[in-house]
Amino acid sequence: MNTTILNGVAALTHLGIIKVEGEDAAKFIHGQLTQDFSLLDLHSARLAAFCTAKGRMQASFIGLKRLNGDVLLVCSKDILGATLKRLSMFVLRAKARLSDASHEFALFGLVGNATKSIATREMPAWAKADFDACSLVQLYPAEGTPRQLWIAPSADPAPDGIPLALDLWMWGEVRSGVATITTPVVEAFVPQMLNYESVGGVNFKKGCYPGQEVVARSQFRGTLKRRAFVVHAETAMVAGSEVFSATDPDQPVATVVQAAAAPKGGFDAIISAQLSAVDNGSLHLGAANGPTLKLLPLPYELLSEV
């Protein structure tokens, strides 16, 4: 466990919250996202995508239910306004109200010794527990180190733990291999291109939602040609940057989804890359003769079938 680097409490100021309230809150959001919210209980959270009719991810969320029945959707703050507007268009006659509740809550990332026990056994990702008015969600680990998301009323004090820089938390996010949609990559990927079906972000047994047919076809007809990978480069990387291959220099073969400075130098990133390019040649940032990207081990197994 790399507790010397990933250890402490980070204020997650880059994230915001969409609140869904009303008696149809869970039912409504269930019909819009890639995960099952109709059966969401107080002991689980959901990773989910909000897709276009063409199956492209326009937002990603960590969703959870509060004790009062409200559903909270945690997403990148830079896409929150546009996402809230799009989701609100589908409310129609549903008894649900959507609002930007970012000011009502404080979000913190807990890692290493700052994490809290929420059961007597090691909990899998997306387990959730409530502590009075606060909610705690288990995330995928990074570098073998446990990580959690803490959601509390904005007036509450920060959870106990040594302060952790946001940059280090963001590096842990990259090393977890679970990508978050931000403005540069809106509508760039179907969920499987970011391995969402392998990290709990897609439920293939639930009812209809926007883009469902495309997402299901990608899974069951073997048409998926891209996957998410974790890479390292000695130069800076940012979301939306193009990646090229020496074997196909004229067009990009991958896109940087999320990147962060690595503590020991260089940058690490999650990229969505063509499988053929990964199999057949080296990857380079910006051009076929650009900085080399080194593939790192993916920190979880991919599901080969549902």
Foldseek 3Di string as FASTA:
>chain_A
DPCVQWAWKEFCPQKFKKKKDFPCRQVLVCQFWQDRSVPADQFFWAWIFGAALQQFGQFIFTWHAFPVGMIMTMAGPQSVVVVQVVSVVPCVPPGMDIDTCRLFKTKMKGKAPLDDDPDPDDDDFGTWDDDVQKIKGWHQWAPPITMIMIIHTPPDDDRDTDYHYVLSVLQRVFRSLQFTAHDLCRRPDRCQLSLCVFRRHHDLPDDHHRNNVNNVCVAPVVPDFKHKFKWWFQADDAFNWFKPFLVGFPDGFKTFRGKGADPVHGIMTIMIGGPCRVVPGWMATRTNPHTTIGTDDNPGDHDNHD
